[in-house]
């Protein structure tokens, strides 16, 4: 199996995505979506941004490499009566099932950044987007002091070294890397803009309970714990994550969790 597919089909990311709904809806409202626009949500998960886009009137296709998340997205769309939103399996590095220049807006919020072969990802996003359209990405920033960057940094410190040729997904959070990748896809620098933005994870679970959810359901954290258990360091990883989650929590009480995380927002104008 494709290792990226195996990673995201591991566990159940929908349990984490529940904490992302409010911020997902908020960011979609900033996209300027108009009625009947064709929107591609790449690396869509179970629809945290795809469903809100459909509710604003867009015709939305969500594409994700994980079969279980595609099934969950289609189920959520059906439950909410959204006939203008569908999900299908696909690989961000090779969207061969999609035609050229179809979408007015291609979106990927913390999705396509995790696919290998980033130059292929950029090229495919440009290819399927109409001339005069837009691409919007939300990417976590390496070494940022806020939640997700630190979560992934801690998890990687307990994991085996990556395979030869591995390119960190966090490089999508570096402006020069983004410019280079879209430049290779034919987009000039003046058509690419950047902004720092905040995404907030909110849940009625305590920080410790939220750590337990990541340990049980989030692929990268699950893999880190698998490795840590083999080396006898699982308790250390648990402690480090609980320290992080508690330190980053902005909730007024320790029974709930409200953790903001900074990300790089990338906007590309296609030509």
Protein backbone atom coordinates (compact mmCIF):
# COMPACT_ATOMS: atom_id res chain seq x y z
CA UNK A 1 0.00 0.00 0.00
CA UNK A 2 1.00 3.60 -0.62
CA UNK A 3 2.66 4.65 2.68
CA UNK A 4 0.84 7.99 2.71
CA UNK A 5 -2.49 6.23 2.24
CA UNK A 6 -1.64 3.78 5.02
CA UNK A 7 -0.73 6.64 7.37
CA UNK A 8 -4.02 8.50 6.93
CA UNK A 9 -6.18 5.39 6.97
CA UNK A 10 -4.59 4.49 10.29
CA UNK A 11 -6.84 5.32 13.21
CA UNK A 12 -9.80 7.62 12.60
CA UNK A 13 -8.98 11.24 11.81
CA UNK A 14 -12.68 12.16 12.04
CA UNK A 15 -12.23 12.07 15.84
CA UNK A 16 -9.63 14.84 15.55
CA UNK A 17 -11.53 16.73 12.85
CA UNK A 18 -14.44 17.21 15.25
CA UNK A 19 -12.28 19.77 17.06
CA UNK A 20 -11.63 21.64 13.80
CA UNK A 21 -15.19 22.32 12.60
CA UNK A 22 -15.60 25.85 13.93
CA UNK A 23 -12.33 27.13 12.49
CA UNK A 24 -13.00 25.22 9.27
CA UNK A 25 -16.25 27.11 8.78
CA UNK A 26 -14.60 30.41 9.66
CA UNK A 27 -11.78 30.09 7.16
CA UNK A 28 -14.14 29.06 4.35
CA UNK A 29 -16.09 32.30 4.86
CA UNK A 30 -12.94 34.21 3.89
CA UNK A 31 -12.60 32.46 0.52
CA UNK A 32 -15.13 34.67 -1.27
CA UNK A 33 -17.09 31.70 -2.57
CA UNK A 34 -19.94 32.52 -4.93
CA UNK A 35 -22.93 30.44 -5.93
CA UNK A 36 -22.21 27.51 -8.28
CA UNK A 37 -18.45 27.99 -8.24
CA UNK A 38 -16.61 24.74 -8.83
CA UNK A 39 -14.39 24.02 -5.84
CA UNK A 40 -11.84 21.25 -5.35
CA UNK A 41 -10.91 20.48 -1.74
CA UNK A 42 -7.69 18.47 -1.92
CA UNK A 43 -6.69 16.37 1.06
CA UNK A 44 -10.18 17.13 2.33
CA UNK A 45 -10.46 14.63 5.17
CA UNK A 46 -14.11 14.16 6.07
CA UNK A 47 -15.15 17.62 4.91
CA UNK A 48 -14.11 20.20 7.50
CA UNK A 49 -13.83 22.82 4.74
CA UNK A 50 -15.65 21.04 1.90
CA UNK A 51 -19.04 20.99 3.61
CA UNK A 52 -19.01 24.67 4.61
CA UNK A 53 -18.04 25.57 1.02
CA UNK A 54 -21.01 23.59 -0.28
CA UNK A 55 -23.31 25.36 2.19
CA UNK A 56 -22.21 28.65 0.61
CA UNK A 57 -23.47 27.39 -2.75
CA UNK A 58 -20.35 25.97 -4.40
CA UNK A 59 -20.26 22.68 -6.28
CA UNK A 60 -17.60 20.90 -4.24
CA UNK A 61 -15.50 17.86 -4.95
CA UNK A 62 -13.47 16.58 -2.02
CA UNK A 63 -10.50 14.38 -2.85
CA UNK A 64 -8.56 12.44 -0.22
CA UNK A 65 -6.18 9.49 -0.29
CA UNK A 66 -7.84 7.80 2.69
CA UNK A 67 -10.83 5.62 1.83
CA UNK A 68 -12.29 5.82 5.33
CA UNK A 69 -12.27 9.63 5.27
CA UNK A 70 -13.88 9.73 1.82
CA UNK A 71 -16.63 7.45 3.09
CA UNK A 72 -17.08 9.63 6.17
CA UNK A 73 -17.27 12.78 4.03
CA UNK A 74 -19.93 11.34 1.73
CA UNK A 75 -21.86 10.21 4.79
CA UNK A 76 -21.70 13.67 6.38
CA UNK A 77 -22.77 15.36 3.12
CA UNK A 78 -25.76 13.01 2.82
CA UNK A 79 -26.75 13.55 6.45
CA UNK A 80 -26.71 17.31 5.90
CA UNK A 81 -28.62 17.10 2.61
CA UNK A 82 -25.79 18.54 0.53
CA UNK A 83 -26.29 17.23 -2.99
CA UNK A 84 -23.66 19.69 -4.27
CA UNK A 85 -20.82 18.06 -2.33
CA UNK A 86 -19.23 14.71 -3.08
CA UNK A 87 -16.02 12.95 -2.08
CA UNK A 88 -13.77 10.54 -3.93
CA UNK A 89 -10.41 8.88 -3.44
CA UNK A 90 -7.40 10.43 -5.13
CA UNK A 91 -3.70 11.18 -4.76
CA UNK A 92 -2.64 14.84 -4.66
CA UNK A 93 0.56 13.95 -6.50
CA UNK A 94 -1.35 12.54 -9.48
CA UNK A 95 -4.95 13.66 -10.05
CA UNK A 96 -5.21 11.70 -13.28
CA UNK A 97 -8.96 11.28 -12.89
CA UNK A 98 -9.51 15.06 -13.04
CA UNK A 99 -9.48 17.07 -16.28
CA UNK A 100 -7.44 20.21 -16.92
CA UNK A 101 -8.74 23.63 -15.88
CA UNK A 102 -11.99 22.51 -14.22
CA UNK A 103 -12.12 24.32 -10.89
CA UNK A 104 -12.59 27.99 -10.08
CA UNK A 105 -11.01 27.43 -6.68
CA UNK A 106 -8.70 24.70 -5.45
CA UNK A 107 -8.37 24.51 -1.67
CA UNK A 108 -6.10 22.46 0.56
CA UNK A 109 -6.13 23.22 4.26
CA UNK A 110 -3.50 21.04 5.99
CA UNK A 111 -4.10 18.33 3.40
CA UNK A 112 -1.94 18.27 0.27
CA UNK A 113 1.05 19.45 2.31
CA UNK A 114 1.36 15.90 3.66
CA UNK A 115 1.58 14.28 0.22
CA UNK A 116 5.04 13.28 -1.03
CA UNK A 117 6.46 14.81 -4.22
CA UNK A 118 5.55 18.46 -3.50
CA UNK A 119 6.48 19.67 -6.98
CA UNK A 120 3.99 17.19 -8.42
CA UNK A 121 1.36 18.43 -5.97
CA UNK A 122 1.85 22.05 -7.04
CA UNK A 123 1.75 21.12 -10.71
CA UNK A 124 -1.47 19.15 -10.30
CA UNK A 125 -3.20 21.92 -8.37
CA UNK A 126 -2.30 24.40 -11.10
CA UNK A 127 -3.35 21.99 -13.85
CA UNK A 128 -6.87 21.37 -12.56
CA UNK A 129 -7.58 25.03 -11.75
CA UNK A 130 -9.08 27.34 -14.34
CA UNK A 131 -7.13 30.24 -15.80
CA UNK A 132 -8.04 33.23 -13.67
CA UNK A 133 -8.89 30.99 -10.75
CA UNK A 134 -7.30 30.64 -7.34
CA UNK A 135 -5.50 28.11 -5.20
CA UNK A 136 -5.62 28.54 -1.42
CA UNK A 137 -3.47 26.45 0.89
CA UNK A 138 -3.20 26.35 4.65
CA UNK A 139 0.18 24.93 5.71
CA UNK A 140 1.74 24.39 9.10
CA UNK A 141 5.01 26.26 9.67
CA UNK A 142 8.19 24.42 10.73
CA UNK A 143 9.58 25.25 14.18
CA UNK A 144 6.65 27.53 14.91
CA UNK A 145 6.09 27.68 18.68
CA UNK A 146 2.36 27.00 18.40
CA UNK A 147 0.52 23.72 18.72
CA UNK A 148 0.68 21.65 15.53
CA UNK A 149 4.29 22.39 14.62
CA UNK A 150 5.32 21.39 18.13
CA UNK A 151 3.08 18.30 18.10
CA UNK A 152 4.69 17.07 14.88
CA UNK A 153 8.18 18.00 16.08
CA UNK A 154 7.74 16.01 19.30
CA UNK A 155 6.22 13.06 17.45
CA UNK A 156 9.06 12.95 14.92
CA UNK A 157 11.66 12.96 17.71
CA UNK A 158 10.29 9.60 18.89
CA UNK A 159 9.92 8.13 15.39
CA UNK A 160 12.48 6.26 13.28
CA UNK A 161 14.47 8.33 10.77
CA UNK A 162 12.46 8.99 7.60
CA UNK A 163 13.34 7.04 4.44
CA UNK A 164 15.99 8.36 2.08
CA UNK A 165 14.63 11.10 -0.14
CA UNK A 166 11.87 12.06 2.29
CA UNK A 167 10.81 15.72 2.06
CA UNK A 168 9.25 17.12 5.21
CA UNK A 169 5.65 18.27 4.71
CA UNK A 170 6.53 21.24 6.92
CA UNK A 171 8.53 22.77 4.06
CA UNK A 172 5.16 23.83 2.63
CA UNK A 173 5.18 26.35 5.48
CA UNK A 174 8.28 28.11 4.09
CA UNK A 175 7.59 30.90 1.61
CA UNK A 176 10.67 30.28 -0.54
CA UNK A 177 9.77 26.61 -0.95
CA UNK A 178 6.21 27.50 -1.93
CA UNK A 179 7.48 30.03 -4.51
CA UNK A 180 9.86 27.45 -5.97
CA UNK A 181 7.21 24.74 -6.25
CA UNK A 182 4.58 26.90 -7.90
CA UNK A 183 7.27 28.54 -10.00
CA UNK A 184 8.10 25.14 -11.48
CA UNK A 185 4.36 24.81 -12.22
CA UNK A 186 4.43 28.04 -14.23
CA UNK A 187 3.23 30.56 -11.65
CA UNK A 188 5.25 33.77 -11.26
CA UNK A 189 6.08 35.15 -7.83
CA UNK A 190 3.80 38.17 -8.25
CA UNK A 191 0.81 35.81 -8.43
CA UNK A 192 1.53 34.27 -5.01
CA UNK A 193 0.77 35.94 -1.69
CA UNK A 194 1.24 34.90 1.92
CA UNK A 195 -0.32 35.65 5.28
CA UNK A 196 -0.03 34.27 8.80
CA UNK A 197 -3.36 33.03 10.13
CA UNK A 198 -4.69 31.13 13.14
CA UNK A 199 -6.64 27.87 13.29
CA UNK A 200 -8.14 26.82 16.62
CA UNK A 201 -8.80 23.32 17.92
CA UNK A 202 -11.81 23.29 20.24
CA UNK A 203 -13.20 20.32 22.13
CA UNK A 204 -15.18 19.57 25.26
CA UNK A 205 -12.44 17.10 26.21
CA UNK A 206 -9.69 17.97 28.66
CA UNK A 207 -6.12 18.38 27.35
CA UNK A 208 -5.24 14.90 28.66
CA UNK A 209 -8.29 13.40 26.97
CA UNK A 210 -7.37 15.23 23.77
CA UNK A 211 -3.87 13.71 23.92
CA UNK A 212 -5.53 10.31 24.24
CA UNK A 213 -7.50 11.00 21.06
CA UNK A 214 -4.32 11.83 19.14
CA UNK A 215 -2.66 8.69 20.50
CA UNK A 216 -5.58 6.52 19.44
CA UNK A 217 -6.78 8.12 16.21
CA UNK A 218 -4.18 10.45 14.55
CA UNK A 219 -1.84 8.59 12.19
CA UNK A 220 1.44 10.47 12.82
CA UNK A 221 0.98 10.36 16.61
CA UNK A 222 -0.03 6.70 16.47
CA UNK A 223 3.15 5.89 14.55
CA UNK A 224 5.24 7.85 17.06
CA UNK A 225 3.74 5.87 19.94
CA UNK A 226 4.32 2.60 18.07
CA UNK A 227 8.01 3.46 17.81
CA UNK A 228 8.20 4.81 21.37
CA UNK A 229 6.70 1.64 22.81
CA UNK A 230 9.31 -0.46 21.03
CA UNK A 231 12.10 1.65 22.53
CA UNK A 232 10.49 1.80 25.99
CA UNK A 233 9.85 5.54 25.71
CA UNK A 234 6.05 5.66 25.41
CA UNK A 235 5.66 7.21 28.86
CA UNK A 236 8.12 9.94 27.90
CA UNK A 237 6.18 10.73 24.75
CA UNK A 238 2.92 10.77 26.69
CA UNK A 239 4.43 13.20 29.20
CA UNK A 240 5.83 15.50 26.51
CA UNK A 241 2.50 15.67 24.70
CA UNK A 242 0.49 16.29 27.85
CA UNK A 243 2.90 19.09 28.76
CA UNK A 244 2.44 20.60 25.28
CA UNK A 245 -1.35 20.33 25.26
CA UNK A 246 -1.70 21.84 28.73
CA UNK A 247 0.74 24.65 28.00
CA UNK A 248 -1.01 25.59 24.75
CA UNK A 249 -4.57 25.34 26.09
CA UNK A 250 -6.36 28.69 26.22
CA UNK A 251 -9.59 27.38 27.74
CA UNK A 252 -10.78 29.02 30.93
CA UNK A 253 -10.87 25.63 32.64
CA UNK A 254 -8.92 22.38 32.37
CA UNK A 255 -12.04 20.36 31.55
CA UNK A 256 -12.13 21.66 27.98
CA UNK A 257 -9.50 22.41 25.33
CA UNK A 258 -9.07 25.48 23.14
CA UNK A 259 -5.72 25.52 21.37
CA UNK A 260 -4.78 28.04 18.63
CA UNK A 261 -2.18 27.19 16.02
CA UNK A 262 -0.45 29.49 13.55
CA UNK A 263 -0.29 28.53 9.87
CA UNK A 264 0.86 29.97 6.56
CA UNK A 265 -1.97 30.91 4.24
CA UNK A 266 -0.95 30.75 0.59
CA UNK A 267 -3.02 32.31 -2.20
CA UNK A 268 -2.13 31.62 -5.82
CA UNK A 269 -3.70 33.32 -8.82
CA UNK A 270 -3.67 30.96 -11.80
CA UNK A 271 -3.03 32.25 -15.28
